[in-house]
Amino acid sequence: MSAPHLPKVAGIDPMVPVSTHTAAPLKAVPPAPGAFLQDRLAGWVSDLTTLHELTERLAGTSTLDSALHELLGAGAALVGARRGLLVLEPADGGGPSLTTGLGLAHAELGHIETVPRSATSYGRFLDGLPDTDDPLASPDILGDTALDPRCREVAAGLGYAASYALPLATEAAGRLGVAVWLYDEPAEPLERQCHLVGLYARYAVGHLSRLLELERARADAAVIAEELLPSRLPRVPGVRLAVRHRTTPAGGGDWYDALPLPDDALGLSVGSVGGSGPRALAAMGRLRAGLRAYAVMEGEDPVAVLSDLELLLRLTEPAGAATALYAYCEPDRRTIVLAGAGHTPPLVTGDRRTEFVETTLSAPLGMLSCWEAPSVEFSPAPGETVLLYTDGLLRRTGDSMDRAFARLHAAAAGVPRALRDDPGAVADHVLRTVLPDGPGSDSTEDVVVLAARFD
C-alpha cells in the first residue's frame, strides 16, 4: 500500500486515506494520518492567528514612524531575530528617506552605514542589483569570504553573524524600502517563517504606502501654512517681538501677524479658523491677507478692522466661523487698543504684575448676523510683555478652560527674572510650563504665542 500523501501548507485535503496497516511487534508505530493532519491544521490555525494579531497591531498605527517600528518588531518575532533595521527609500524619490533600527543604537546604525552600499543586502535591493525581488539570506556573514571585508568587520564589531533581508515592494506601491533582521549566531529562517513574514510584509507595504502618502500630504500642508504666515517679524522702535507656532500634522487654521503701520505704529493679530487641512489653510490665508489690508486702511480702529474681516468671511466662507484678535499698538506711547471676536484675552506679564486684559464678551466672526463689540485700551508698563495666543494653547492642556487659564497665568507669573527681557524666552518658558509634553505630543490643536515686550 502506498504511503498517504502529506497535506499542503495552504490547504487541507479531506480525502487523505486512513491506513489500516498494523505495525509489526517491537517496531515503532507510525503516527496515524489523522493525528498528523490535526497537527498541521493546528499549526495552520496558529499561524493565521499570529498573522491576524500582528496585522491588527500594525493597522492600529497612525504615523509612519510607529508603523516602521511595529513592522520591524513583528518581523523579528516571525523570523526569530533579535535586532534589525529598516531603510525607507521610496523608488519615486518623493521621500521621506530614513533608517529605523530595532535593538540598534544610533551609533550602531552609523557603523552599518559605513559599509559600502553595494556590499549590503539592503543596498543591493535599493540599487536594483538583485535579479529578483525574493528575500536575501546571509546565513554566515563572518564565514563568507566573498563578502566585502568591511561588511564582516562591522558584523563582528556589532556582534551579529547572519541576516535576512526582505524588500518592501508591491506592483501598486512600487519599492518603498528594505527590512533587514540580524541574528547573533549563524542562522537562516525556516521556510515556514519566510512564508509568514512574506505574507505579513505584503500587508505592511500597503499600510506603509497609505501612511507615506498621508505623511507627504502633511508635509505639503505644513509648507503651505508656513508660506501663508510672515517670513519674519518687523522691527519697530520701542517693542520687541517673538512668536512660537506649533502646527498639527493635518495642518490647522491658526494664524498670526505683525504689521508695521504709519507713525511707527504696529498692528498685531492672532486668529483661528475652525477645522484642519487644505480648506482651513485656504480660509486662514484669505482672512490673514484681508486683515492686513483692513489694518492698513483703518488700523487705528480695531472694531472696524474686525467688522470688515467678518464681511470677508461671510463672502468667502458662508458656513464658516473664525475667532480673531487685532491690536493697534503705539510703542512710543506704550498704548494698545484692541478688539476681539470670540478670542482669548491677552495676558500682560512683568516684574510687578501678571494679569489678563479685561476684554468685552464677543461672538466669533460669522456667528451673528452682524458682528460688533467695543474696543479696549490699556497701557503696558516699561519692561512688560504682552502675550497674544490662540485657544489651542489652552485646549492642548486637556484641562477645563478655568484650570487651563489658571495654568497659563501661573506659567507667565513664574518666568524667571533673568528671562523677562527676552520675549522669545518668555514664550518658550510659557509653552514648556503649560504644555510639558512638548511639540511631539499628539494633538489636533494648533498653538500660536505672539509675545511683544515694550521698552
Protein backbone atom coordinates (compact mmCIF):
# COMPACT_ATOMS: atom_id res chain seq x y z
CA MET A 1 0.00 0.00 0.00
CA SER A 2 1.39 3.44 -0.87
CA ALA A 3 2.02 5.88 1.97
CA PRO A 4 -0.61 8.57 2.48
CA HIS A 5 0.33 11.92 0.91
CA LEU A 6 1.04 14.96 3.13
CA PRO A 7 -1.45 17.85 3.08
CA LYS A 8 -0.30 21.14 1.56
CA VAL A 9 0.56 24.14 3.73
CA ALA A 10 -2.05 26.40 2.09
CA GLY A 11 -4.90 23.91 2.36
CA ILE A 12 -6.04 20.54 3.65
CA ASP A 13 -7.06 17.52 1.55
CA PRO A 14 -10.04 15.82 3.28
CA MET A 15 -9.71 12.75 1.01
CA VAL A 16 -6.48 11.50 2.62
CA PRO A 17 -6.99 7.73 3.15
CA VAL A 18 -6.56 6.24 6.57
CA SER A 19 -4.02 3.41 6.64
CA THR A 20 -5.24 0.04 8.01
CA HIS A 21 -1.70 -1.39 8.23
CA THR A 22 -0.75 -2.73 11.66
CA ALA A 23 2.90 -2.36 12.67
CA ALA A 24 4.94 -5.49 13.41
CA PRO A 25 5.76 -6.26 17.03
CA LEU A 26 8.70 -4.43 18.66
CA LYS A 27 8.72 -1.78 15.87
CA ALA A 28 7.80 1.90 16.20
CA VAL A 29 4.21 2.65 15.33
CA PRO A 30 3.99 5.43 12.73
CA PRO A 31 1.68 8.29 13.65
CA ALA A 32 -1.84 7.95 12.38
CA PRO A 33 -2.53 10.18 9.37
CA GLY A 34 -5.45 11.71 11.24
CA ALA A 35 -3.17 12.86 14.06
CA PHE A 36 -0.67 14.27 11.57
CA LEU A 37 -3.47 16.10 9.83
CA GLN A 38 -4.65 17.56 13.11
CA ASP A 39 -1.13 18.78 13.92
CA ARG A 40 -0.86 20.51 10.55
CA LEU A 41 -4.29 22.03 10.98
CA ALA A 42 -3.40 23.30 14.46
CA GLY A 43 -0.18 24.82 13.09
CA TRP A 44 -2.06 26.45 10.25
CA VAL A 45 -4.64 27.95 12.63
CA SER A 46 -1.86 29.16 14.92
CA ASP A 47 -0.10 30.88 12.02
CA LEU A 48 -3.33 32.56 10.91
CA THR A 49 -3.97 33.76 14.45
CA THR A 50 -0.47 35.16 14.73
CA LEU A 51 -0.75 36.97 11.40
CA HIS A 52 -4.14 38.36 12.36
CA GLU A 53 -2.84 39.72 15.66
CA LEU A 54 0.25 41.28 14.07
CA THR A 55 -1.63 42.89 11.20
CA GLU A 56 -4.23 44.23 13.63
CA ARG A 57 -1.47 45.88 15.65
CA LEU A 58 0.06 47.32 12.51
CA ALA A 59 -3.31 48.62 11.34
CA GLY A 60 -3.60 50.47 14.66
CA THR A 61 -0.55 52.62 13.88
CA SER A 62 -1.39 56.07 12.55
CA THR A 63 2.06 57.53 11.89
CA LEU A 64 4.82 56.39 9.59
CA ASP A 65 7.37 56.19 12.40
CA SER A 66 5.19 53.98 14.62
CA ALA A 67 4.36 51.71 11.66
CA LEU A 68 8.04 51.22 10.80
CA HIS A 69 8.87 50.25 14.39
CA GLU A 70 5.89 47.88 14.54
CA LEU A 71 6.90 46.24 11.26
CA LEU A 72 10.46 45.72 12.45
CA GLY A 73 9.38 44.22 15.78
CA ALA A 74 6.75 41.91 14.28
CA GLY A 75 9.12 40.75 11.53
CA ALA A 76 11.82 39.97 14.08
CA ALA A 77 9.37 37.81 16.03
CA LEU A 78 8.33 35.95 12.88
CA VAL A 79 11.86 35.15 11.67
CA GLY A 80 13.34 34.56 15.14
CA ALA A 81 15.76 37.52 15.18
CA ARG A 82 16.58 39.98 17.93
CA ARG A 83 17.75 43.05 16.05
CA GLY A 84 17.21 44.68 12.71
CA LEU A 85 16.94 47.83 10.64
CA LEU A 86 14.56 49.20 8.07
CA VAL A 87 15.64 51.57 5.32
CA LEU A 88 12.78 53.59 3.86
CA GLU A 89 13.70 54.93 0.43
CA PRO A 90 10.73 55.17 -1.96
CA ALA A 91 11.63 54.48 -5.56
CA ASP A 92 9.72 57.54 -6.80
CA GLY A 93 12.18 59.80 -5.00
CA GLY A 94 9.42 61.68 -3.22
CA GLY A 95 10.76 60.86 0.24
CA PRO A 96 10.94 60.78 3.08
CA SER A 97 14.13 58.70 3.31
CA LEU A 98 15.12 57.41 6.73
CA THR A 99 16.65 54.49 8.59
CA THR A 100 14.97 52.93 11.63
CA GLY A 101 16.65 50.47 13.98
CA LEU A 102 15.46 47.68 16.28
CA GLY A 103 17.83 46.93 19.14
CA LEU A 104 20.47 49.13 17.48
CA ALA A 105 21.63 52.47 18.83
CA HIS A 106 22.06 55.44 16.55
CA ALA A 107 25.83 54.99 16.58
CA GLU A 108 25.49 51.31 15.64
CA LEU A 109 23.28 52.22 12.69
CA GLY A 110 26.01 54.66 11.70
CA HIS A 111 28.60 51.84 11.75
CA ILE A 112 26.42 49.73 9.48
CA GLU A 113 26.08 52.64 7.07
CA THR A 114 29.89 52.78 6.73
CA VAL A 115 29.75 49.50 4.80
CA PRO A 116 29.80 50.16 1.03
CA ARG A 117 26.19 50.25 -0.06
CA SER A 118 26.69 47.70 -2.82
CA ALA A 119 28.05 45.24 -0.24
CA THR A 120 24.96 45.31 1.96
CA SER A 121 21.80 43.33 1.32
CA TYR A 122 19.58 46.38 1.70
CA GLY A 123 21.83 48.46 -0.55
CA ARG A 124 21.69 45.86 -3.30
CA PHE A 125 17.90 45.88 -3.25
CA LEU A 126 17.67 49.67 -3.18
CA ASP A 127 20.12 49.95 -6.07
CA GLY A 128 18.29 47.29 -8.06
CA LEU A 129 21.21 44.84 -8.13
CA PRO A 130 19.42 41.52 -7.36
CA ASP A 131 17.81 39.89 -10.37
CA THR A 132 14.62 39.16 -8.38
CA ASP A 133 12.63 40.66 -5.54
CA ASP A 134 13.00 37.49 -3.46
CA PRO A 135 14.36 37.78 0.09
CA LEU A 136 18.11 37.54 0.53
CA ALA A 137 19.58 35.44 3.35
CA SER A 138 23.19 35.64 4.56
CA PRO A 139 23.38 32.69 6.98
CA ASP A 140 27.08 33.08 7.87
CA ILE A 141 28.43 36.57 7.36
CA LEU A 142 31.69 36.05 9.24
CA GLY A 143 32.49 32.86 7.36
CA ASP A 144 31.54 34.14 3.89
CA THR A 145 34.84 35.25 2.37
CA ALA A 146 33.04 36.50 -0.74
CA LEU A 147 31.56 39.39 1.25
CA ASP A 148 33.23 42.78 1.48
CA PRO A 149 35.78 42.78 4.35
CA ARG A 150 34.18 45.89 5.81
CA CYS A 151 30.85 44.05 5.97
CA ARG A 152 32.37 41.25 8.01
CA GLU A 153 34.32 43.72 10.17
CA VAL A 154 31.21 45.69 11.14
CA ALA A 155 29.26 42.47 11.78
CA ALA A 156 31.97 41.20 14.12
CA GLY A 157 32.15 44.56 15.89
CA LEU A 158 28.42 44.77 16.47
CA GLY A 159 28.01 41.10 17.30
CA TYR A 160 25.75 39.75 14.56
CA ALA A 161 26.59 36.76 12.37
CA ALA A 162 23.69 36.39 9.92
CA SER A 163 20.99 38.47 8.26
CA TYR A 164 17.75 38.11 6.40
CA ALA A 165 16.71 40.95 4.07
CA LEU A 166 13.20 41.39 2.75
CA PRO A 167 12.37 44.02 0.11
CA LEU A 168 9.25 46.05 0.80
CA ALA A 169 7.57 46.48 -2.56
CA THR A 170 4.40 45.71 -4.46
CA GLU A 171 3.28 46.31 -8.01
CA ALA A 172 0.85 49.00 -6.87
CA ALA A 173 3.09 50.81 -4.38
CA GLY A 174 6.44 50.17 -6.04
CA ARG A 175 9.58 49.88 -3.95
CA LEU A 176 9.35 51.53 -0.54
CA GLY A 177 12.44 50.15 1.15
CA VAL A 178 14.07 47.10 2.70
CA ALA A 179 13.81 45.43 6.11
CA VAL A 180 16.84 43.52 7.43
CA TRP A 181 16.83 41.29 10.52
CA LEU A 182 20.09 40.33 12.24
CA TYR A 183 20.98 37.09 14.07
CA ASP A 184 23.56 36.79 16.85
CA GLU A 185 24.69 33.39 15.55
CA PRO A 186 24.90 31.86 12.06
CA ALA A 187 21.28 31.12 11.18
CA GLU A 188 18.64 31.21 8.49
CA PRO A 189 14.85 31.38 8.92
CA LEU A 190 12.84 28.24 8.22
CA GLU A 191 10.67 28.01 5.13
CA ARG A 192 7.56 28.41 7.26
CA GLN A 193 9.00 31.57 8.86
CA CYS A 194 9.87 33.02 5.47
CA HIS A 195 6.34 32.34 4.27
CA LEU A 196 4.76 34.03 7.28
CA VAL A 197 6.95 37.13 7.19
CA GLY A 198 6.32 37.41 3.45
CA LEU A 199 2.55 37.42 3.98
CA TYR A 200 2.91 39.96 6.77
CA ALA A 201 5.16 42.20 4.68
CA ARG A 202 2.69 42.13 1.80
CA TYR A 203 0.05 43.67 4.03
CA ALA A 204 2.57 46.00 5.70
CA VAL A 205 3.66 47.54 2.39
CA GLY A 206 0.08 48.51 1.58
CA HIS A 207 -0.32 50.10 5.00
CA LEU A 208 3.01 51.90 4.73
CA SER A 209 2.17 53.28 1.30
CA ARG A 210 -1.04 54.82 2.66
CA LEU A 211 0.80 56.37 5.62
CA LEU A 212 3.52 57.59 3.27
CA GLU A 213 1.00 59.45 1.13
CA LEU A 214 -0.53 60.93 4.27
CA GLU A 215 2.91 61.99 5.53
CA ARG A 216 3.65 63.69 2.24
CA ALA A 217 0.30 65.48 2.31
CA ARG A 218 1.01 66.67 5.85
CA ALA A 219 4.44 67.92 4.84
CA ASP A 220 2.96 69.81 1.91
CA ALA A 221 0.32 71.33 4.18
CA ALA A 222 2.99 72.42 6.66
CA VAL A 223 4.96 74.11 3.89
CA ILE A 224 1.85 75.90 2.65
CA ALA A 225 0.96 77.00 6.18
CA GLU A 226 4.43 78.46 6.73
CA GLU A 227 4.28 80.27 3.41
CA LEU A 228 0.96 81.83 4.40
CA LEU A 229 2.46 83.26 7.60
CA PRO A 230 5.04 86.06 7.98
CA SER A 231 8.56 85.04 6.99
CA ARG A 232 9.95 87.40 9.67
CA LEU A 233 8.68 89.79 12.31
CA PRO A 234 9.10 93.54 11.77
CA ARG A 235 11.37 95.78 13.82
CA VAL A 236 9.54 98.71 15.34
CA PRO A 237 11.17 101.11 17.82
CA GLY A 238 10.02 100.61 21.39
CA VAL A 239 8.90 97.00 21.12
CA ARG A 240 10.50 93.60 20.56
CA LEU A 241 8.58 90.68 19.10
CA ALA A 242 8.82 86.88 19.17
CA VAL A 243 6.45 84.16 18.02
CA ARG A 244 6.11 80.45 18.60
CA HIS A 245 3.88 78.41 16.28
CA ARG A 246 3.11 74.71 16.66
CA THR A 247 1.01 73.15 13.95
CA THR A 248 -0.85 69.86 13.91
CA PRO A 249 0.11 67.12 11.42
CA ALA A 250 -3.09 67.73 9.46
CA GLY A 251 -2.40 71.45 9.16
CA GLY A 252 -4.55 73.74 11.27
CA GLY A 253 -6.03 77.18 10.67
CA ASP A 254 -4.34 79.31 13.35
CA TRP A 255 -2.53 82.42 12.18
CA TYR A 256 -0.63 85.43 13.48
CA ASP A 257 0.64 88.66 12.00
CA ALA A 258 2.69 91.72 12.89
CA LEU A 259 2.36 94.67 10.55
CA PRO A 260 4.30 97.97 10.74
CA LEU A 261 1.93 100.92 10.28
CA PRO A 262 2.39 104.67 9.71
CA ASP A 263 3.79 106.84 12.53
CA ASP A 264 5.78 103.91 13.98
CA ALA A 265 2.60 102.14 14.98
CA LEU A 266 2.25 98.38 14.94
CA GLY A 267 -0.66 96.08 14.20
CA LEU A 268 -0.69 92.68 15.97
CA SER A 269 -3.20 89.93 15.27
CA VAL A 270 -3.87 86.30 16.07
CA GLY A 271 -6.77 84.19 14.91
CA SER A 272 -8.11 80.74 14.31
CA VAL A 273 -10.29 79.14 11.64
CA GLY A 274 -12.24 76.03 12.52
CA GLY A 275 -11.20 72.70 11.02
CA SER A 276 -7.94 71.47 9.55
CA GLY A 277 -6.42 70.51 6.24
CA PRO A 278 -6.36 72.37 2.91
CA ARG A 279 -9.73 74.09 3.40
CA ALA A 280 -8.72 75.53 6.76
CA LEU A 281 -5.38 76.66 5.34
CA ALA A 282 -7.09 78.40 2.43
CA ALA A 283 -9.54 80.18 4.75
CA MET A 284 -6.70 81.17 7.06
CA GLY A 285 -4.73 82.64 4.16
CA ARG A 286 -7.70 84.69 2.95
CA LEU A 287 -8.52 86.07 6.39
CA ARG A 288 -4.93 86.98 7.22
CA ALA A 289 -4.47 88.72 3.87
CA GLY A 290 -7.78 90.56 4.33
CA LEU A 291 -6.87 91.65 7.85
CA ARG A 292 -3.57 93.10 6.64
CA ALA A 293 -5.41 95.18 4.05
CA TYR A 294 -8.01 96.42 6.53
CA ALA A 295 -5.30 97.23 9.10
CA VAL A 296 -3.52 99.45 6.60
CA MET A 297 -6.75 101.28 5.72
CA GLU A 298 -8.24 101.71 9.21
CA GLY A 299 -5.83 100.17 11.69
CA GLU A 300 -6.47 102.76 14.38
CA ASP A 301 -9.98 101.35 14.78
CA PRO A 302 -9.75 97.62 15.65
CA VAL A 303 -13.55 97.28 15.69
CA ALA A 304 -13.75 98.48 12.08
CA VAL A 305 -10.95 96.10 11.10
CA LEU A 306 -12.77 93.08 12.54
CA SER A 307 -16.10 94.22 11.11
CA ASP A 308 -14.58 94.28 7.63
CA LEU A 309 -12.99 90.90 8.29
CA GLU A 310 -16.38 89.48 9.28
CA LEU A 311 -17.84 90.67 5.98
CA LEU A 312 -14.99 89.00 4.10
CA LEU A 313 -15.64 85.75 5.95
CA ARG A 314 -19.33 85.83 5.00
CA LEU A 315 -18.48 86.37 1.34
CA THR A 316 -15.75 83.71 1.10
CA GLU A 317 -16.82 81.17 3.77
CA PRO A 318 -20.61 81.47 4.17
CA ALA A 319 -20.79 78.48 6.52
CA GLY A 320 -17.50 79.19 8.28
CA ALA A 321 -16.60 80.73 11.62
CA ALA A 322 -13.39 82.16 12.99
CA THR A 323 -12.02 83.86 16.06
CA ALA A 324 -9.68 86.83 15.79
CA LEU A 325 -7.99 89.47 17.89
CA TYR A 326 -6.50 92.67 16.49
CA ALA A 327 -4.40 95.15 18.49
CA TYR A 328 -3.29 98.61 17.37
CA CYS A 329 -0.09 99.44 19.24
CA GLU A 330 1.75 102.75 19.65
CA PRO A 331 5.03 101.68 21.25
CA ASP A 332 6.33 105.23 21.84
CA ARG A 333 3.25 105.94 23.99
CA ARG A 334 3.00 102.33 25.25
CA THR A 335 -0.70 102.17 24.45
CA ILE A 336 -2.68 99.33 22.90
CA VAL A 337 -6.21 99.46 21.54
CA LEU A 338 -7.66 96.05 20.75
CA ALA A 339 -10.84 94.23 19.82
CA GLY A 340 -11.56 90.53 19.89
CA ALA A 341 -14.12 88.33 18.20
CA GLY A 342 -14.65 85.26 20.37
CA HIS A 343 -10.94 85.19 21.11
CA THR A 344 -8.99 84.54 24.29
CA PRO A 345 -7.87 87.69 26.18
CA PRO A 346 -4.23 88.85 26.05
CA LEU A 347 -2.00 88.30 29.07
CA VAL A 348 0.31 91.02 30.42
CA THR A 349 3.28 89.90 32.50
CA GLY A 350 6.17 91.72 34.12
CA ASP A 351 8.03 92.15 37.39
CA ARG A 352 5.07 93.70 39.21
CA ARG A 353 2.01 92.06 37.71
CA THR A 354 0.68 89.18 35.65
CA GLU A 355 -2.93 89.62 34.62
CA PHE A 356 -5.34 89.03 31.79
CA VAL A 357 -6.59 92.07 29.91
CA GLU A 358 -10.28 92.54 30.55
CA THR A 359 -12.00 92.35 27.15
CA THR A 360 -15.69 92.52 26.39
CA LEU A 361 -17.60 89.33 25.66
CA SER A 362 -17.99 88.88 21.91
CA ALA A 363 -19.03 86.19 19.45
CA PRO A 364 -16.74 84.65 16.82
CA LEU A 365 -16.85 86.04 13.33
CA GLY A 366 -19.62 84.54 11.21
CA MET A 367 -21.81 83.53 14.14
CA LEU A 368 -24.16 86.53 14.27
CA SER A 369 -26.00 88.48 11.60
CA CYS A 370 -23.77 91.47 12.31
CA TRP A 371 -20.65 91.36 14.47
CA GLU A 372 -19.82 94.28 16.72
CA ALA A 373 -18.06 94.72 20.05
CA PRO A 374 -16.44 97.68 21.79
CA SER A 375 -12.67 98.08 21.81
CA VAL A 376 -10.46 98.06 24.90
CA GLU A 377 -7.47 100.27 25.62
CA PHE A 378 -4.66 99.55 28.08
CA SER A 379 -1.05 100.56 28.68
CA PRO A 380 1.73 98.05 29.37
CA ALA A 381 4.41 99.30 31.72
CA PRO A 382 8.06 99.52 30.64
CA GLY A 383 9.57 96.03 30.57
CA GLU A 384 6.24 94.23 30.46
CA THR A 385 5.42 91.60 27.85
CA VAL A 386 2.02 91.19 26.23
CA LEU A 387 1.14 87.65 25.14
CA LEU A 388 -1.38 87.10 22.36
CA TYR A 389 -2.23 83.42 21.86
CA THR A 390 -4.76 81.09 20.28
CA ASP A 391 -7.08 78.87 22.31
CA GLY A 392 -5.14 75.79 21.22
CA LEU A 393 -2.68 76.66 23.98
CA LEU A 394 -5.48 76.12 26.50
CA ARG A 395 -7.16 73.17 24.83
CA ARG A 396 -3.95 71.17 24.48
CA THR A 397 -3.64 71.01 28.26
CA GLY A 398 -6.69 68.72 28.43
CA ASP A 399 -7.97 70.70 31.43
CA SER A 400 -11.19 72.63 31.77
CA MET A 401 -10.92 76.20 30.48
CA ASP A 402 -10.83 77.65 34.02
CA ARG A 403 -7.95 75.40 35.02
CA ALA A 404 -6.19 76.00 31.71
CA PHE A 405 -6.38 79.77 32.22
CA ALA A 406 -5.01 79.32 35.75
CA ARG A 407 -2.16 77.19 34.43
CA LEU A 408 -1.31 79.82 31.80
CA HIS A 409 -1.38 82.60 34.41
CA ALA A 410 0.91 80.64 36.73
CA ALA A 411 3.33 79.89 33.89
CA ALA A 412 3.62 83.57 32.94
CA ALA A 413 3.97 84.67 36.56
CA GLY A 414 6.73 82.10 37.05
CA VAL A 415 9.01 83.31 34.27
CA PRO A 416 12.46 83.77 35.86
CA ARG A 417 13.57 87.39 36.17
CA ALA A 418 16.64 86.70 34.04
CA LEU A 419 14.43 85.71 31.09
CA ARG A 420 11.93 88.56 31.20
CA ASP A 421 13.94 90.86 28.93
CA ASP A 422 13.70 88.38 26.04
CA PRO A 423 10.18 87.91 24.57
CA GLY A 424 11.27 84.65 22.91
CA ALA A 425 12.47 83.26 26.24
CA VAL A 426 9.18 84.29 27.87
CA ALA A 427 7.18 82.49 25.17
CA ASP A 428 9.37 79.39 25.44
CA HIS A 429 9.00 79.26 29.22
CA VAL A 430 5.23 79.58 28.99
CA LEU A 431 4.99 76.82 26.39
CA ARG A 432 7.24 74.45 28.33
CA THR A 433 5.26 75.03 31.51
CA VAL A 434 1.75 74.91 30.09
CA LEU A 435 2.50 72.06 27.64
CA PRO A 436 5.18 69.89 29.30
CA ASP A 437 4.78 67.17 26.66
CA GLY A 438 6.40 69.48 24.11
CA PRO A 439 5.90 69.72 20.35
CA GLY A 440 5.82 65.96 19.85
CA SER A 441 2.63 65.46 21.83
CA ASP A 442 -0.35 64.24 19.87
CA SER A 443 -2.99 66.93 19.47
CA THR A 444 -5.45 68.26 16.96
CA GLU A 445 -4.97 71.85 18.13
CA ASP A 446 -2.66 74.46 16.64
CA VAL A 447 -0.84 76.75 19.06
CA VAL A 448 0.30 80.33 18.45
CA VAL A 449 2.01 82.51 21.07
CA LEU A 450 2.92 86.03 19.95
CA ALA A 451 4.98 87.94 22.54
CA ALA A 452 5.54 91.72 22.45
CA ARG A 453 7.90 93.25 25.03
CA PHE A 454 7.61 97.02 25.48
CA ASP A 455 10.72 99.03 26.38
